[in-house]
Amino acid sequence: MLKLNRIVKELNLRVIVAHNIDKVVSGGYASDLLSDVIAHSQKDNIWITLQTHQNIVAVASLKELVGIIIVNGRMPEDETIKKAKQEKIPILVTELSTFEVVGRLYGLGVRGIKQGVSPCLSRRIGIPQNAGQPQKKRRVKS
């Protein structure tokens, strides 16, 4: 079980808001679209983004995320820091790119959502929900 404080150490992240950095990370999610994070991130994920406005805290709180890593050397706005302290959402920053952070997290054992095609994409392009899963053998009647 990987804890957020180990990620801080291993990735040399700068801690801006330090609440609950001893929590266990269940996985990771990287996106800059708030609606995408709301739709697809999971409880106790670490979120990687370049967004810095206070709405990221609202999304992290709503989805019960372990924390937010802001990439590319960006700093959260003052209102974001204030809101994160109120909501007790850790905010961490790094000079690294999203690509680099995700790669390093993967190397530490952090994984994303289940592999395969997402259910919403499956419906849009007509892929059956069980595509890619082993099929039961059917008996042929003779």
N, C-alpha and C. Protein backbone atom coordinates (compact mmCIF):
# COMPACT_ATOMS: atom_id res chain seq x y z
N MET A 1 0.85 -1.18 0.00
CA MET A 1 0.00 0.00 0.00
C MET A 1 0.89 1.24 0.00
N LEU A 2 0.71 2.06 -1.00
CA LEU A 2 1.51 3.26 -1.16
C LEU A 2 0.78 4.45 -0.54
N LYS A 3 1.49 5.17 0.30
CA LYS A 3 0.90 6.35 0.94
C LYS A 3 1.35 7.62 0.21
N LEU A 4 0.53 8.64 0.35
CA LEU A 4 0.80 9.92 -0.31
C LEU A 4 2.15 10.50 0.11
N ASN A 5 2.51 10.37 1.38
CA ASN A 5 3.77 10.94 1.83
C ASN A 5 4.98 10.28 1.16
N ARG A 6 4.86 9.02 0.78
CA ARG A 6 5.96 8.36 0.04
C ARG A 6 6.04 8.93 -1.38
N ILE A 7 4.89 9.19 -1.99
CA ILE A 7 4.88 9.80 -3.33
C ILE A 7 5.55 11.17 -3.28
N VAL A 8 5.24 11.93 -2.24
CA VAL A 8 5.87 13.26 -2.06
C VAL A 8 7.39 13.11 -2.05
N LYS A 9 7.87 12.13 -1.29
CA LYS A 9 9.31 11.92 -1.17
C LYS A 9 9.92 11.42 -2.47
N GLU A 10 9.32 10.39 -3.06
CA GLU A 10 9.88 9.76 -4.26
C GLU A 10 9.90 10.70 -5.48
N LEU A 11 8.88 11.55 -5.60
CA LEU A 11 8.80 12.47 -6.74
C LEU A 11 9.34 13.86 -6.40
N ASN A 12 9.81 14.01 -5.17
CA ASN A 12 10.35 15.30 -4.72
C ASN A 12 9.35 16.43 -4.94
N LEU A 13 8.12 16.20 -4.48
CA LEU A 13 7.04 17.18 -4.66
C LEU A 13 7.12 18.25 -3.58
N ARG A 14 6.73 19.44 -3.94
CA ARG A 14 6.64 20.54 -2.98
C ARG A 14 5.22 20.52 -2.40
N VAL A 15 5.12 20.46 -1.08
CA VAL A 15 3.82 20.41 -0.42
C VAL A 15 3.34 21.83 -0.16
N ILE A 16 2.19 22.17 -0.74
CA ILE A 16 1.58 23.49 -0.55
C ILE A 16 0.53 23.43 0.56
N VAL A 17 -0.30 22.41 0.53
CA VAL A 17 -1.28 22.16 1.59
C VAL A 17 -1.02 20.73 2.08
N ALA A 18 -0.74 20.60 3.37
CA ALA A 18 -0.21 19.35 3.91
C ALA A 18 -1.20 18.50 4.70
N HIS A 19 -2.48 18.68 4.53
CA HIS A 19 -3.45 17.86 5.27
C HIS A 19 -3.46 16.43 4.75
N ASN A 20 -3.54 15.48 5.66
CA ASN A 20 -3.77 14.07 5.33
C ASN A 20 -2.77 13.46 4.35
N ILE A 21 -1.50 13.81 4.42
CA ILE A 21 -0.56 13.24 3.45
C ILE A 21 -0.10 11.83 3.84
N ASP A 22 -0.68 11.27 4.89
CA ASP A 22 -0.37 9.90 5.26
C ASP A 22 -1.42 8.91 4.75
N LYS A 23 -2.35 9.38 3.92
CA LYS A 23 -3.41 8.51 3.41
C LYS A 23 -2.89 7.57 2.33
N VAL A 24 -3.53 6.43 2.21
CA VAL A 24 -3.19 5.44 1.18
C VAL A 24 -3.79 5.85 -0.15
N VAL A 25 -3.00 5.72 -1.21
CA VAL A 25 -3.42 6.07 -2.56
C VAL A 25 -3.94 4.80 -3.24
N SER A 26 -5.20 4.85 -3.73
CA SER A 26 -5.80 3.67 -4.37
C SER A 26 -5.46 3.58 -5.85
N GLY A 27 -5.07 4.69 -6.46
CA GLY A 27 -4.76 4.73 -7.88
C GLY A 27 -4.55 6.17 -8.29
N GLY A 28 -4.44 6.40 -9.58
CA GLY A 28 -4.21 7.75 -10.05
C GLY A 28 -5.09 8.11 -11.23
N TYR A 29 -5.27 9.41 -11.42
CA TYR A 29 -6.02 9.90 -12.56
C TYR A 29 -5.39 11.20 -13.05
N ALA A 30 -5.17 11.32 -14.34
CA ALA A 30 -4.57 12.51 -14.92
C ALA A 30 -5.52 13.12 -15.95
N SER A 31 -5.92 14.36 -15.71
CA SER A 31 -6.79 15.07 -16.64
C SER A 31 -6.84 16.53 -16.23
N ASP A 32 -7.08 17.38 -17.22
CA ASP A 32 -7.24 18.81 -16.97
C ASP A 32 -8.69 19.24 -17.14
N LEU A 33 -9.55 18.31 -17.50
CA LEU A 33 -10.98 18.60 -17.64
C LEU A 33 -11.71 18.17 -16.37
N LEU A 34 -12.30 19.13 -15.69
CA LEU A 34 -12.96 18.82 -14.43
C LEU A 34 -14.08 17.81 -14.62
N SER A 35 -14.84 17.94 -15.69
CA SER A 35 -15.94 17.00 -15.94
C SER A 35 -15.43 15.59 -16.14
N ASP A 36 -14.27 15.44 -16.74
CA ASP A 36 -13.66 14.13 -16.94
C ASP A 36 -13.26 13.52 -15.60
N VAL A 37 -12.69 14.32 -14.73
CA VAL A 37 -12.28 13.84 -13.41
C VAL A 37 -13.51 13.44 -12.60
N ILE A 38 -14.56 14.24 -12.68
CA ILE A 38 -15.80 13.90 -11.97
C ILE A 38 -16.36 12.58 -12.49
N ALA A 39 -16.31 12.38 -13.79
CA ALA A 39 -16.90 11.17 -14.39
C ALA A 39 -16.07 9.92 -14.16
N HIS A 40 -14.75 10.05 -14.09
CA HIS A 40 -13.92 8.84 -14.15
C HIS A 40 -12.96 8.59 -13.01
N SER A 41 -12.62 9.58 -12.21
CA SER A 41 -11.70 9.32 -11.10
C SER A 41 -12.43 8.51 -10.03
N GLN A 42 -11.65 7.89 -9.18
CA GLN A 42 -12.23 7.04 -8.14
C GLN A 42 -11.75 7.49 -6.77
N LYS A 43 -12.51 7.16 -5.77
CA LYS A 43 -12.19 7.52 -4.38
C LYS A 43 -10.74 7.12 -4.06
N ASP A 44 -10.06 8.02 -3.37
CA ASP A 44 -8.69 7.82 -2.93
C ASP A 44 -7.66 7.80 -4.05
N ASN A 45 -8.02 8.26 -5.25
CA ASN A 45 -7.05 8.46 -6.32
C ASN A 45 -6.24 9.71 -6.04
N ILE A 46 -5.04 9.76 -6.60
CA ILE A 46 -4.27 11.00 -6.65
C ILE A 46 -4.54 11.59 -8.04
N TRP A 47 -4.79 12.89 -8.10
CA TRP A 47 -5.16 13.56 -9.36
C TRP A 47 -3.99 14.41 -9.83
N ILE A 48 -3.62 14.24 -11.09
CA ILE A 48 -2.54 15.00 -11.71
C ILE A 48 -3.16 15.96 -12.72
N THR A 49 -2.85 17.26 -12.57
CA THR A 49 -3.44 18.29 -13.44
C THR A 49 -2.52 19.49 -13.54
N LEU A 50 -2.81 20.35 -14.52
CA LEU A 50 -2.12 21.65 -14.59
C LEU A 50 -3.04 22.79 -14.17
N GLN A 51 -4.27 22.46 -13.84
CA GLN A 51 -5.22 23.48 -13.38
C GLN A 51 -4.81 24.01 -12.00
N THR A 52 -5.07 25.29 -11.76
CA THR A 52 -4.66 25.91 -10.49
C THR A 52 -5.79 26.64 -9.78
N HIS A 53 -6.98 26.72 -10.38
CA HIS A 53 -8.08 27.48 -9.80
C HIS A 53 -8.78 26.68 -8.70
N GLN A 54 -9.60 27.36 -7.91
CA GLN A 54 -10.19 26.73 -6.73
C GLN A 54 -11.18 25.61 -7.04
N ASN A 55 -11.69 25.54 -8.26
CA ASN A 55 -12.63 24.46 -8.59
C ASN A 55 -11.99 23.08 -8.52
N ILE A 56 -10.66 23.01 -8.62
CA ILE A 56 -10.01 21.69 -8.50
C ILE A 56 -10.21 21.13 -7.10
N VAL A 57 -10.27 22.00 -6.11
CA VAL A 57 -10.49 21.55 -4.73
C VAL A 57 -11.91 21.01 -4.57
N ALA A 58 -12.86 21.68 -5.18
CA ALA A 58 -14.26 21.23 -5.10
C ALA A 58 -14.40 19.84 -5.73
N VAL A 59 -13.74 19.63 -6.86
CA VAL A 59 -13.81 18.32 -7.53
C VAL A 59 -13.13 17.26 -6.67
N ALA A 60 -11.96 17.57 -6.14
CA ALA A 60 -11.24 16.61 -5.31
C ALA A 60 -12.04 16.24 -4.06
N SER A 61 -12.72 17.21 -3.49
CA SER A 61 -13.56 16.96 -2.32
C SER A 61 -14.76 16.10 -2.69
N LEU A 62 -15.42 16.45 -3.78
CA LEU A 62 -16.59 15.71 -4.25
C LEU A 62 -16.25 14.24 -4.51
N LYS A 63 -15.12 14.00 -5.14
CA LYS A 63 -14.72 12.64 -5.51
C LYS A 63 -13.91 11.93 -4.42
N GLU A 64 -13.68 12.61 -3.30
CA GLU A 64 -12.91 12.05 -2.19
C GLU A 64 -11.52 11.58 -2.63
N LEU A 65 -10.85 12.47 -3.37
CA LEU A 65 -9.51 12.16 -3.84
C LEU A 65 -8.49 12.38 -2.72
N VAL A 66 -7.39 11.65 -2.78
CA VAL A 66 -6.35 11.72 -1.76
C VAL A 66 -5.60 13.05 -1.83
N GLY A 67 -5.47 13.60 -3.03
CA GLY A 67 -4.75 14.85 -3.19
C GLY A 67 -4.64 15.24 -4.65
N ILE A 68 -4.02 16.40 -4.86
CA ILE A 68 -3.86 16.96 -6.20
C ILE A 68 -2.38 17.27 -6.42
N ILE A 69 -1.85 16.80 -7.55
CA ILE A 69 -0.50 17.17 -7.96
C ILE A 69 -0.64 18.14 -9.13
N ILE A 70 -0.11 19.34 -8.97
CA ILE A 70 -0.13 20.35 -10.03
C ILE A 70 1.24 20.33 -10.70
N VAL A 71 1.24 20.19 -12.02
CA VAL A 71 2.46 19.97 -12.79
C VAL A 71 2.97 21.25 -13.48
N ASN A 72 4.08 21.08 -14.17
CA ASN A 72 4.70 22.11 -15.02
C ASN A 72 5.11 23.37 -14.26
N GLY A 73 5.39 23.24 -12.98
CA GLY A 73 5.84 24.37 -12.19
C GLY A 73 4.78 25.41 -11.89
N ARG A 74 3.53 25.08 -12.15
CA ARG A 74 2.44 26.02 -11.86
C ARG A 74 2.16 26.03 -10.36
N MET A 75 1.72 27.18 -9.89
CA MET A 75 1.37 27.33 -8.48
C MET A 75 -0.13 27.57 -8.35
N PRO A 76 -0.75 26.97 -7.33
CA PRO A 76 -2.19 27.21 -7.15
C PRO A 76 -2.45 28.66 -6.76
N GLU A 77 -3.61 29.14 -7.17
CA GLU A 77 -4.02 30.49 -6.81
C GLU A 77 -4.23 30.56 -5.30
N ASP A 78 -4.16 31.78 -4.74
CA ASP A 78 -4.34 31.97 -3.30
C ASP A 78 -5.69 31.43 -2.81
N GLU A 79 -6.74 31.66 -3.59
CA GLU A 79 -8.07 31.16 -3.21
C GLU A 79 -8.11 29.63 -3.23
N THR A 80 -7.34 29.02 -4.11
CA THR A 80 -7.27 27.56 -4.18
C THR A 80 -6.62 27.01 -2.91
N ILE A 81 -5.55 27.64 -2.49
CA ILE A 81 -4.86 27.21 -1.26
C ILE A 81 -5.79 27.36 -0.06
N LYS A 82 -6.46 28.47 0.02
CA LYS A 82 -7.39 28.72 1.13
C LYS A 82 -8.49 27.65 1.16
N LYS A 83 -9.06 27.36 0.00
CA LYS A 83 -10.14 26.37 -0.10
C LYS A 83 -9.61 24.96 0.24
N ALA A 84 -8.40 24.65 -0.21
CA ALA A 84 -7.82 23.33 0.07
C ALA A 84 -7.58 23.14 1.56
N LYS A 85 -7.17 24.19 2.24
CA LYS A 85 -6.99 24.11 3.69
C LYS A 85 -8.32 23.88 4.39
N GLN A 86 -9.36 24.56 3.93
CA GLN A 86 -10.70 24.38 4.51
C GLN A 86 -11.20 22.96 4.30
N GLU A 87 -11.00 22.44 3.09
CA GLU A 87 -11.50 21.10 2.74
C GLU A 87 -10.54 19.98 3.11
N LYS A 88 -9.34 20.35 3.59
CA LYS A 88 -8.31 19.39 3.96
C LYS A 88 -7.89 18.50 2.80
N ILE A 89 -7.69 19.15 1.65
CA ILE A 89 -7.23 18.45 0.45
C ILE A 89 -5.76 18.80 0.21
N PRO A 90 -4.87 17.81 0.22
CA PRO A 90 -3.47 18.09 -0.04
C PRO A 90 -3.24 18.62 -1.46
N ILE A 91 -2.42 19.65 -1.56
CA ILE A 91 -2.00 20.16 -2.86
C ILE A 91 -0.48 20.09 -2.91
N LEU A 92 0.00 19.45 -3.97
CA LEU A 92 1.43 19.25 -4.19
C LEU A 92 1.79 19.81 -5.55
N VAL A 93 2.98 20.34 -5.70
CA VAL A 93 3.39 20.90 -6.99
C VAL A 93 4.74 20.33 -7.41
N THR A 94 4.96 20.34 -8.72
CA THR A 94 6.21 19.84 -9.28
C THR A 94 6.54 20.58 -10.57
N GLU A 95 7.80 20.60 -10.90
CA GLU A 95 8.25 21.14 -12.18
C GLU A 95 8.05 20.12 -13.30
N LEU A 96 7.83 18.87 -12.95
CA LEU A 96 7.68 17.80 -13.94
C LEU A 96 6.42 17.98 -14.77
N SER A 97 6.41 17.37 -15.95
CA SER A 97 5.22 17.35 -16.80
C SER A 97 4.27 16.26 -16.34
N THR A 98 3.03 16.31 -16.82
CA THR A 98 2.06 15.26 -16.50
C THR A 98 2.60 13.90 -16.93
N PHE A 99 3.16 13.83 -18.12
CA PHE A 99 3.69 12.58 -18.65
C PHE A 99 4.73 11.99 -17.71
N GLU A 100 5.65 12.82 -17.25
CA GLU A 100 6.72 12.36 -16.36
C GLU A 100 6.16 11.93 -15.01
N VAL A 101 5.23 12.68 -14.45
CA VAL A 101 4.64 12.32 -13.15
C VAL A 101 3.91 10.99 -13.25
N VAL A 102 3.09 10.83 -14.28
CA VAL A 102 2.34 9.58 -14.44
C VAL A 102 3.30 8.40 -14.60
N GLY A 103 4.35 8.57 -15.38
CA GLY A 103 5.34 7.50 -15.56
C GLY A 103 6.00 7.10 -14.24
N ARG A 104 6.35 8.09 -13.46
CA ARG A 104 6.99 7.81 -12.16
C ARG A 104 6.01 7.16 -11.18
N LEU A 105 4.77 7.62 -11.19
CA LEU A 105 3.77 7.00 -10.33
C LEU A 105 3.55 5.55 -10.72
N TYR A 106 3.50 5.29 -12.03
CA TYR A 106 3.33 3.92 -12.50
C TYR A 106 4.50 3.06 -12.02
N GLY A 107 5.70 3.61 -12.07
CA GLY A 107 6.88 2.90 -11.60
C GLY A 107 6.82 2.57 -10.11
N LEU A 108 6.09 3.37 -9.36
CA LEU A 108 5.91 3.12 -7.93
C LEU A 108 4.75 2.16 -7.64
N GLY A 109 4.04 1.76 -8.69
CA GLY A 109 2.94 0.81 -8.52
C GLY A 109 1.56 1.42 -8.53
N VAL A 110 1.46 2.74 -8.77
CA VAL A 110 0.14 3.38 -8.84
C VAL A 110 -0.45 3.08 -10.21
N ARG A 111 -1.70 2.63 -10.22
CA ARG A 111 -2.37 2.30 -11.46
C ARG A 111 -3.60 3.18 -11.64
N GLY A 112 -4.07 3.25 -12.87
CA GLY A 112 -5.25 4.04 -13.18
C GLY A 112 -6.51 3.20 -13.12
N ILE A 113 -7.54 3.64 -13.84
CA ILE A 113 -8.79 2.91 -13.87
C ILE A 113 -8.58 1.58 -14.57
N LYS A 114 -9.54 0.69 -14.42
CA LYS A 114 -9.43 -0.63 -15.02
C LYS A 114 -9.11 -0.54 -16.51
N GLN A 115 -8.32 -1.47 -16.96
CA GLN A 115 -7.93 -1.50 -18.36
C GLN A 115 -9.13 -1.83 -19.24
N GLY A 116 -9.06 -1.43 -20.47
CA GLY A 116 -10.13 -1.71 -21.42
C GLY A 116 -10.82 -0.44 -21.84
N VAL A 117 -11.85 -0.59 -22.61
CA VAL A 117 -12.59 0.55 -23.12
C VAL A 117 -13.61 0.99 -22.08
N SER A 118 -13.68 2.29 -21.84
CA SER A 118 -14.63 2.79 -20.85
C SER A 118 -16.06 2.53 -21.30
N PRO A 119 -16.98 2.31 -20.34
CA PRO A 119 -18.37 2.03 -20.70
C PRO A 119 -19.01 3.13 -21.55
N CYS A 120 -18.70 4.41 -21.26
CA CYS A 120 -19.34 5.48 -22.04
C CYS A 120 -18.84 5.46 -23.48
N LEU A 121 -17.57 5.17 -23.70
CA LEU A 121 -17.04 5.09 -25.06
C LEU A 121 -17.62 3.86 -25.77
N SER A 122 -17.74 2.75 -25.04
CA SER A 122 -18.30 1.53 -25.62
C SER A 122 -19.69 1.78 -26.19
N ARG A 123 -20.52 2.50 -25.42
CA ARG A 123 -21.88 2.78 -25.88
C ARG A 123 -21.87 3.65 -27.13
N ARG A 124 -20.98 4.65 -27.15
CA ARG A 124 -20.95 5.57 -28.29
C ARG A 124 -20.52 4.91 -29.59
N ILE A 125 -19.57 3.98 -29.50
CA ILE A 125 -19.06 3.38 -30.73
C ILE A 125 -19.55 1.96 -30.96
N GLY A 126 -20.42 1.48 -30.08
CA GLY A 126 -21.09 0.20 -30.30
C GLY A 126 -20.28 -1.03 -29.93
N ILE A 127 -19.35 -0.93 -29.00
CA ILE A 127 -18.60 -2.10 -28.55
C ILE A 127 -19.37 -2.76 -27.42
N PRO A 128 -19.60 -4.07 -27.47
CA PRO A 128 -20.30 -4.75 -26.38
C PRO A 128 -19.54 -4.59 -25.06
N GLN A 129 -20.26 -4.52 -23.95
CA GLN A 129 -19.65 -4.33 -22.63
C GLN A 129 -18.64 -5.43 -22.29
N ASN A 130 -18.85 -6.63 -22.78
CA ASN A 130 -17.96 -7.73 -22.43
C ASN A 130 -16.85 -7.95 -23.46
N ALA A 131 -16.65 -7.00 -24.36
CA ALA A 131 -15.60 -7.14 -25.37
C ALA A 131 -14.25 -7.28 -24.71
N GLY A 132 -13.46 -8.21 -25.21
CA GLY A 132 -12.12 -8.42 -24.67
C GLY A 132 -12.08 -9.36 -23.49
N GLN A 133 -13.23 -9.77 -22.99
CA GLN A 133 -13.26 -10.70 -21.87
C GLN A 133 -13.37 -12.11 -22.42
N PRO A 134 -12.81 -13.08 -21.69
CA PRO A 134 -12.91 -14.47 -22.15
C PRO A 134 -14.38 -14.88 -22.29
N GLN A 135 -14.67 -15.56 -23.34
CA GLN A 135 -16.04 -16.00 -23.60
C GLN A 135 -16.22 -17.43 -23.08
N LYS A 136 -17.41 -17.71 -22.59
CA LYS A 136 -17.73 -19.07 -22.14
C LYS A 136 -17.85 -19.95 -23.38
N LYS A 137 -17.34 -21.16 -23.22
CA LYS A 137 -17.44 -22.12 -24.34
C LYS A 137 -18.88 -22.61 -24.40
N ARG A 138 -19.38 -22.62 -25.59
CA ARG A 138 -20.75 -23.13 -25.80
C ARG A 138 -20.69 -24.58 -26.23
N ARG A 139 -21.62 -25.33 -25.70
CA ARG A 139 -21.71 -26.72 -26.13
C ARG A 139 -22.46 -26.78 -27.44
N VAL A 140 -21.93 -27.55 -28.32
CA VAL A 140 -22.60 -27.73 -29.60
C VAL A 140 -23.43 -28.99 -29.52
N LYS A 141 -24.72 -28.86 -29.79
CA LYS A 141 -25.60 -30.02 -29.77
C LYS A 141 -25.43 -30.78 -31.08
N SER A 142 -25.30 -32.08 -30.97
CA SER A 142 -25.17 -32.87 -32.19
C SER A 142 -26.41 -33.63 -32.53
